[in-house]
Each structure stands twice: as structure tokens, then as C-alpha cells.
PDB file of all heavy atoms in Angstrom:
ATOM      1  N   PHE A   1       0.853  -1.171   0.000  1.00  0.00           N
ATOM      2  CA  PHE A   1       0.000   0.000   0.000  1.00  0.00           C
ATOM      3  C   PHE A   1       0.898   1.233   0.000  1.00  0.00           C
ATOM      4  O   PHE A   1       1.658   1.449   0.935  1.00  0.00           O
ATOM      5  CB  PHE A   1      -0.910   0.023   1.224  1.00  0.00           C
ATOM      6  CG  PHE A   1      -1.923  -1.078   1.215  1.00  0.00           C
ATOM      7  CD1 PHE A   1      -1.618  -2.318   1.748  1.00  0.00           C
ATOM      8  CD2 PHE A   1      -3.166  -0.893   0.628  1.00  0.00           C
ATOM      9  CE1 PHE A   1      -2.539  -3.348   1.719  1.00  0.00           C
ATOM     10  CE2 PHE A   1      -4.101  -1.923   0.595  1.00  0.00           C
ATOM     11  CZ  PHE A   1      -3.785  -3.137   1.140  1.00  0.00           C
ATOM     12  N   VAL A   2       0.849   1.983  -1.062  1.00  0.00           N
ATOM     13  CA  VAL A   2       1.687   3.164  -1.196  1.00  0.00           C
ATOM     14  C   VAL A   2       0.783   4.346  -1.416  1.00  0.00           C
ATOM     15  O   VAL A   2      -0.031   4.346  -2.335  1.00  0.00           O
ATOM     16  CB  VAL A   2       2.673   3.024  -2.383  1.00  0.00           C
ATOM     17  CG1 VAL A   2       3.520   4.283  -2.497  1.00  0.00           C
ATOM     18  CG2 VAL A   2       3.556   1.808  -2.186  1.00  0.00           C
ATOM     19  N   PHE A   3       0.915   5.374  -0.594  1.00  0.00           N
ATOM     20  CA  PHE A   3       0.053   6.539  -0.703  1.00  0.00           C
ATOM     21  C   PHE A   3       0.801   7.637  -1.429  1.00  0.00           C
ATOM     22  O   PHE A   3       1.849   8.092  -0.996  1.00  0.00           O
ATOM     23  CB  PHE A   3      -0.397   6.999   0.676  1.00  0.00           C
ATOM     24  CG  PHE A   3      -1.247   5.981   1.365  1.00  0.00           C
ATOM     25  CD1 PHE A   3      -0.671   5.059   2.216  1.00  0.00           C
ATOM     26  CD2 PHE A   3      -2.611   5.902   1.121  1.00  0.00           C
ATOM     27  CE1 PHE A   3      -1.448   4.091   2.832  1.00  0.00           C
ATOM     28  CE2 PHE A   3      -3.386   4.946   1.727  1.00  0.00           C
ATOM     29  CZ  PHE A   3      -2.805   4.039   2.583  1.00  0.00           C
ATOM     30  N   VAL A   4       0.275   8.044  -2.564  1.00  0.00           N
ATOM     31  CA  VAL A   4       0.915   9.017  -3.425  1.00  0.00           C
ATOM     32  C   VAL A   4       0.126  10.303  -3.369  1.00  0.00           C
ATOM     33  O   VAL A   4      -1.075  10.307  -3.628  1.00  0.00           O
ATOM     34  CB  VAL A   4       0.979   8.508  -4.893  1.00  0.00           C
ATOM     35  CG1 VAL A   4       1.648   9.537  -5.763  1.00  0.00           C
ATOM     36  CG2 VAL A   4       1.727   7.196  -4.929  1.00  0.00           C
ATOM     37  N   ILE A   5       0.786  11.415  -3.053  1.00  0.00           N
ATOM     38  CA  ILE A   5       0.121  12.706  -3.016  1.00  0.00           C
ATOM     39  C   ILE A   5       0.263  13.367  -4.373  1.00  0.00           C
ATOM     40  O   ILE A   5       1.357  13.604  -4.854  1.00  0.00           O
ATOM     41  CB  ILE A   5       0.718  13.609  -1.926  1.00  0.00           C
ATOM     42  CG1 ILE A   5       0.523  12.986  -0.549  1.00  0.00           C
ATOM     43  CG2 ILE A   5       0.078  14.983  -1.965  1.00  0.00           C
ATOM     44  CD1 ILE A   5       1.161  13.773   0.563  1.00  0.00           C
ATOM     45  N   VAL A   6      -0.827  13.654  -5.019  1.00  0.00           N
ATOM     46  CA  VAL A   6      -0.831  14.327  -6.307  1.00  0.00           C
ATOM     47  C   VAL A   6      -1.143  15.791  -6.035  1.00  0.00           C
ATOM     48  O   VAL A   6      -2.176  16.111  -5.465  1.00  0.00           O
ATOM     49  CB  VAL A   6      -1.891  13.710  -7.241  1.00  0.00           C
ATOM     50  CG1 VAL A   6      -1.859  14.384  -8.595  1.00  0.00           C
ATOM     51  CG2 VAL A   6      -1.641  12.227  -7.379  1.00  0.00           C
ATOM     52  N   PHE A   7      -0.274  16.710  -6.457  1.00  0.00           N
ATOM     53  CA  PHE A   7      -0.380  18.098  -6.058  1.00  0.00           C
ATOM     54  C   PHE A   7      -1.518  18.841  -6.733  1.00  0.00           C
ATOM     55  O   PHE A   7      -1.736  20.013  -6.471  1.00  0.00           O
ATOM     56  CB  PHE A   7       0.959  18.808  -6.294  1.00  0.00           C
ATOM     57  CG  PHE A   7       2.025  18.317  -5.371  1.00  0.00           C
ATOM     58  CD1 PHE A   7       2.984  17.439  -5.817  1.00  0.00           C
ATOM     59  CD2 PHE A   7       2.030  18.689  -4.038  1.00  0.00           C
ATOM     60  CE1 PHE A   7       3.951  16.974  -4.960  1.00  0.00           C
ATOM     61  CE2 PHE A   7       3.002  18.218  -3.174  1.00  0.00           C
ATOM     62  CZ  PHE A   7       3.972  17.355  -3.636  1.00  0.00           C
ATOM     63  N   SER A   8      -2.252  18.201  -7.596  1.00  0.00           N
ATOM     64  CA  SER A   8      -3.459  18.805  -8.139  1.00  0.00           C
ATOM     65  C   SER A   8      -4.577  18.799  -7.109  1.00  0.00           C
ATOM     66  O   SER A   8      -5.650  19.329  -7.347  1.00  0.00           O
ATOM     67  CB  SER A   8      -3.914  18.039  -9.387  1.00  0.00           C
ATOM     68  OG  SER A   8      -4.208  16.707  -9.045  1.00  0.00           O
ATOM     69  N   GLY A   9      -4.314  18.198  -5.953  1.00  0.00           N
ATOM     70  CA  GLY A   9      -5.326  18.167  -4.898  1.00  0.00           C
ATOM     71  C   GLY A   9      -5.903  16.799  -4.654  1.00  0.00           C
ATOM     72  O   GLY A   9      -6.709  16.609  -3.752  1.00  0.00           O
ATOM     73  N   ILE A  10      -5.489  15.801  -5.476  1.00  0.00           N
ATOM     74  CA  ILE A  10      -6.000  14.435  -5.304  1.00  0.00           C
ATOM     75  C   ILE A  10      -5.007  13.659  -4.453  1.00  0.00           C
ATOM     76  O   ILE A  10      -3.810  13.726  -4.670  1.00  0.00           O
ATOM     77  CB  ILE A  10      -6.146  13.732  -6.666  1.00  0.00           C
ATOM     78  CG1 ILE A  10      -7.271  14.391  -7.441  1.00  0.00           C
ATOM     79  CG2 ILE A  10      -6.427  12.256  -6.483  1.00  0.00           C
ATOM     80  CD1 ILE A  10      -7.445  13.791  -8.802  1.00  0.00           C
ATOM     81  N   ILE A  11      -5.531  12.932  -3.471  1.00  0.00           N
ATOM     82  CA  ILE A  11      -4.697  12.015  -2.704  1.00  0.00           C
ATOM     83  C   ILE A  11      -5.195  10.619  -3.028  1.00  0.00           C
ATOM     84  O   ILE A  11      -6.310  10.267  -2.704  1.00  0.00           O
ATOM     85  CB  ILE A  11      -4.786  12.284  -1.188  1.00  0.00           C
ATOM     86  CG1 ILE A  11      -4.316  13.709  -0.876  1.00  0.00           C
ATOM     87  CG2 ILE A  11      -3.962  11.266  -0.423  1.00  0.00           C
ATOM     88  CD1 ILE A  11      -4.426  14.064   0.590  1.00  0.00           C
ATOM     89  N   ALA A  12      -4.348   9.870  -3.718  1.00  0.00           N
ATOM     90  CA  ALA A  12      -4.774   8.545  -4.174  1.00  0.00           C
ATOM     91  C   ALA A  12      -3.961   7.471  -3.481  1.00  0.00           C
ATOM     92  O   ALA A  12      -2.744   7.555  -3.409  1.00  0.00           O
ATOM     93  CB  ALA A  12      -4.588   8.431  -5.691  1.00  0.00           C
ATOM     94  N   GLY A  13      -4.645   6.455  -2.983  1.00  0.00           N
ATOM     95  CA  GLY A  13      -3.952   5.294  -2.402  1.00  0.00           C
ATOM     96  C   GLY A  13      -3.780   4.247  -3.476  1.00  0.00           C
ATOM     97  O   GLY A  13      -4.750   3.753  -4.022  1.00  0.00           O
ATOM     98  N   LEU A  14      -2.546   3.929  -3.784  1.00  0.00           N
ATOM     99  CA  LEU A  14      -2.262   2.941  -4.814  1.00  0.00           C
ATOM    100  C   LEU A  14      -1.883   1.625  -4.165  1.00  0.00           C
ATOM    101  O   LEU A  14      -1.061   1.579  -3.258  1.00  0.00           O
ATOM    102  CB  LEU A  14      -1.082   3.405  -5.693  1.00  0.00           C
ATOM    103  CG  LEU A  14      -1.304   4.664  -6.526  1.00  0.00           C
ATOM    104  CD1 LEU A  14      -0.067   4.905  -7.376  1.00  0.00           C
ATOM    105  CD2 LEU A  14      -2.523   4.520  -7.388  1.00  0.00           C
ATOM    106  N   VAL A  15      -2.472   0.548  -4.640  1.00  0.00           N
ATOM    107  CA  VAL A  15      -2.094  -0.780  -4.179  1.00  0.00           C
ATOM    108  C   VAL A  15      -1.184  -1.384  -5.228  1.00  0.00           C
ATOM    109  O   VAL A  15      -1.582  -1.590  -6.359  1.00  0.00           O
ATOM    110  CB  VAL A  15      -3.330  -1.682  -4.004  1.00  0.00           C
ATOM    111  CG1 VAL A  15      -2.908  -3.052  -3.497  1.00  0.00           C
ATOM    112  CG2 VAL A  15      -4.314  -1.037  -3.040  1.00  0.00           C
ATOM    113  N   PHE A  16       0.053  -1.635  -4.850  1.00  0.00           N
ATOM    114  CA  PHE A  16       0.998  -2.203  -5.792  1.00  0.00           C
ATOM    115  C   PHE A  16       1.046  -3.711  -5.597  1.00  0.00           C
ATOM    116  O   PHE A  16       1.515  -4.195  -4.568  1.00  0.00           O
ATOM    117  CB  PHE A  16       2.395  -1.623  -5.574  1.00  0.00           C
ATOM    118  CG  PHE A  16       2.474  -0.181  -5.900  1.00  0.00           C
ATOM    119  CD1 PHE A  16       2.539   0.761  -4.889  1.00  0.00           C
ATOM    120  CD2 PHE A  16       2.444   0.233  -7.214  1.00  0.00           C
ATOM    121  CE1 PHE A  16       2.592   2.102  -5.194  1.00  0.00           C
ATOM    122  CE2 PHE A  16       2.492   1.567  -7.508  1.00  0.00           C
ATOM    123  CZ  PHE A  16       2.569   2.508  -6.497  1.00  0.00           C
ATOM    124  N   ILE A  17       0.542  -4.440  -6.569  1.00  0.00           N
ATOM    125  CA  ILE A  17       0.600  -5.897  -6.520  1.00  0.00           C
ATOM    126  C   ILE A  17       1.832  -6.296  -7.310  1.00  0.00           C
ATOM    127  O   ILE A  17       1.885  -6.104  -8.520  1.00  0.00           O
ATOM    128  CB  ILE A  17      -0.655  -6.517  -7.135  1.00  0.00           C
ATOM    129  CG1 ILE A  17      -1.897  -5.976  -6.424  1.00  0.00           C
ATOM    130  CG2 ILE A  17      -0.590  -8.027  -7.047  1.00  0.00           C
ATOM    131  CD1 ILE A  17      -3.173  -6.445  -7.034  1.00  0.00           C
ATOM    132  N   SER A  18       2.830  -6.810  -6.635  1.00  0.00           N
ATOM    133  CA  SER A  18       4.094  -7.006  -7.307  1.00  0.00           C
ATOM    134  C   SER A  18       4.264  -8.430  -7.782  1.00  0.00           C
ATOM    135  O   SER A  18       3.853  -8.758  -8.885  1.00  0.00           O
ATOM    136  CB  SER A  18       5.261  -6.593  -6.408  1.00  0.00           C
ATOM    137  OG  SER A  18       5.184  -7.219  -5.148  1.00  0.00           O
ATOM    138  N   SER A  19       4.793  -9.298  -6.967  1.00  0.00           N
ATOM    139  CA  SER A  19       5.156 -10.603  -7.498  1.00  0.00           C
ATOM    140  C   SER A  19       4.748 -11.715  -6.556  1.00  0.00           C
ATOM    141  O   SER A  19       4.444 -11.501  -5.395  1.00  0.00           O
ATOM    142  CB  SER A  19       6.671 -10.665  -7.696  1.00  0.00           C
ATOM    143  OG  SER A  19       7.307 -10.672  -6.445  1.00  0.00           O
ATOM    144  N   LYS A  20       4.772 -12.939  -7.070  1.00  0.00           N
ATOM    145  CA  LYS A  20       4.702 -14.080  -6.175  1.00  0.00           C
ATOM    146  C   LYS A  20       5.986 -14.102  -5.354  1.00  0.00           C
ATOM    147  O   LYS A  20       7.057 -13.739  -5.826  1.00  0.00           O
ATOM    148  CB  LYS A  20       4.599 -15.383  -6.969  1.00  0.00           C
ATOM    149  CG  LYS A  20       3.244 -15.591  -7.598  1.00  0.00           C
ATOM    150  CD  LYS A  20       3.080 -17.005  -8.104  1.00  0.00           C
ATOM    151  CE  LYS A  20       4.091 -17.357  -9.160  1.00  0.00           C
ATOM    152  NZ  LYS A  20       3.876 -18.715  -9.675  1.00  0.00           N
ATOM    153  N   GLU A  21       5.880 -14.565  -4.108  1.00  0.00           N
ATOM    154  CA  GLU A  21       7.028 -14.531  -3.227  1.00  0.00           C
ATOM    155  C   GLU A  21       8.176 -15.395  -3.745  1.00  0.00           C
ATOM    156  O   GLU A  21       9.328 -15.170  -3.397  1.00  0.00           O
ATOM    157  CB  GLU A  21       6.617 -14.975  -1.824  1.00  0.00           C
ATOM    158  CG  GLU A  21       5.678 -13.970  -1.151  1.00  0.00           C
ATOM    159  CD  GLU A  21       5.268 -14.413   0.233  1.00  0.00           C
ATOM    160  OE1 GLU A  21       5.691 -15.514   0.647  1.00  0.00           O
ATOM    161  OE2 GLU A  21       4.529 -13.673   0.889  1.00  0.00           O
ATOM    162  N   ASP A  22       7.887 -16.404  -4.558  1.00  0.00           N
ATOM    163  CA  ASP A  22       8.936 -17.297  -5.011  1.00  0.00           C
ATOM    164  C   ASP A  22       9.468 -16.941  -6.396  1.00  0.00           C
ATOM    165  O   ASP A  22      10.200 -17.705  -7.001  1.00  0.00           O
ATOM    166  CB  ASP A  22       8.436 -18.749  -5.002  1.00  0.00           C
ATOM    167  CG  ASP A  22       7.217 -18.967  -5.883  1.00  0.00           C
ATOM    168  OD1 ASP A  22       6.618 -17.969  -6.318  1.00  0.00           O
ATOM    169  OD2 ASP A  22       6.870 -20.134  -6.122  1.00  0.00           O
ATOM    170  N   ILE A  23       9.098 -15.770  -6.927  1.00  0.00           N
ATOM    171  CA  ILE A  23       9.635 -15.353  -8.220  1.00  0.00           C
ATOM    172  C   ILE A  23      11.033 -14.795  -8.011  1.00  0.00           C
ATOM    173  O   ILE A  23      11.204 -13.809  -7.289  1.00  0.00           O
ATOM    174  CB  ILE A  23       8.752 -14.278  -8.890  1.00  0.00           C
ATOM    175  CG1 ILE A  23       7.405 -14.883  -9.289  1.00  0.00           C
ATOM    176  CG2 ILE A  23       9.438 -13.698 -10.114  1.00  0.00           C
ATOM    177  CD1 ILE A  23       6.452 -13.898  -9.891  1.00  0.00           C
ATOM    178  N   PRO A  24      12.052 -15.393  -8.612  1.00  0.00           N
ATOM    179  CA  PRO A  24      13.410 -14.862  -8.441  1.00  0.00           C
ATOM    180  C   PRO A  24      13.568 -13.554  -9.202  1.00  0.00           C
ATOM    181  O   PRO A  24      13.063 -13.382 -10.301  1.00  0.00           O
ATOM    182  CB  PRO A  24      14.290 -15.963  -9.047  1.00  0.00           C
ATOM    183  CG  PRO A  24      13.412 -16.640 -10.048  1.00  0.00           C
ATOM    184  CD  PRO A  24      12.024 -16.582  -9.471  1.00  0.00           C
ATOM    185  N   ALA A  25      14.244 -12.602  -8.578  1.00  0.00           N
ATOM    186  CA  ALA A  25      14.516 -11.325  -9.227  1.00  0.00           C
ATOM    187  C   ALA A  25      15.982 -10.998  -9.023  1.00  0.00           C
ATOM    188  O   ALA A  25      16.544 -11.248  -7.961  1.00  0.00           O
ATOM    189  CB  ALA A  25      13.626 -10.222  -8.657  1.00  0.00           C
ATOM    190  N   GLN A  26      16.602 -10.442 -10.045  1.00  0.00           N
ATOM    191  CA  GLN A  26      18.014 -10.108  -9.985  1.00  0.00           C
ATOM    192  C   GLN A  26      18.189  -8.606 -10.108  1.00  0.00           C
ATOM    193  O   GLN A  26      17.496  -7.946 -10.887  1.00  0.00           O
ATOM    194  CB  GLN A  26      18.778 -10.807 -11.108  1.00  0.00           C
ATOM    195  CG  GLN A  26      18.756 -12.330 -11.007  1.00  0.00           C
ATOM    196  CD  GLN A  26      19.535 -12.991 -12.133  1.00  0.00           C
ATOM    197  OE1 GLN A  26      19.884 -12.349 -13.119  1.00  0.00           O
ATOM    198  NE2 GLN A  26      19.803 -14.273 -11.977  1.00  0.00           N
ATOM    199  N   ALA A  27      19.136  -8.072  -9.332  1.00  0.00           N
ATOM    200  CA  ALA A  27      19.429  -6.643  -9.401  1.00  0.00           C
ATOM    201  C   ALA A  27      20.051  -6.303 -10.757  1.00  0.00           C
ATOM    202  O   ALA A  27      20.851  -7.065 -11.303  1.00  0.00           O
ATOM    203  CB  ALA A  27      20.382  -6.250  -8.283  1.00  0.00           C
ATOM    204  N   LEU A  28      19.642  -5.161 -11.297  1.00  0.00           N
ATOM    205  CA  LEU A  28      20.183  -4.708 -12.570  1.00  0.00           C
ATOM    206  C   LEU A  28      21.527  -4.022 -12.361  1.00  0.00           C
ATOM    207  O   LEU A  28      21.710  -3.268 -11.395  1.00  0.00           O
ATOM    208  CB  LEU A  28      19.226  -3.718 -13.234  1.00  0.00           C
ATOM    209  CG  LEU A  28      17.866  -4.256 -13.675  1.00  0.00           C
ATOM    210  CD1 LEU A  28      17.030  -3.120 -14.272  1.00  0.00           C
ATOM    211  CD2 LEU A  28      18.022  -5.383 -14.693  1.00  0.00           C
TER     212      LEU A  28
END
């Protein structure tokens, strides 16, 4: 749950659905 403040006056709560816990990811 990431809360992003938009300076136009909107406060939107964004839900970031990322990955399955077992998905391997490598740093770039």
C-alpha cells in the first residue's frame, strides 16, 4: 500500500501488486 500525493489536490492510495514470493529477481 503506497500513498501518493498528487499536487493537483488528489490524494490517491495505490495498491501495488508485485510478485509471487517465489519469483526470483536479480538486481540490474
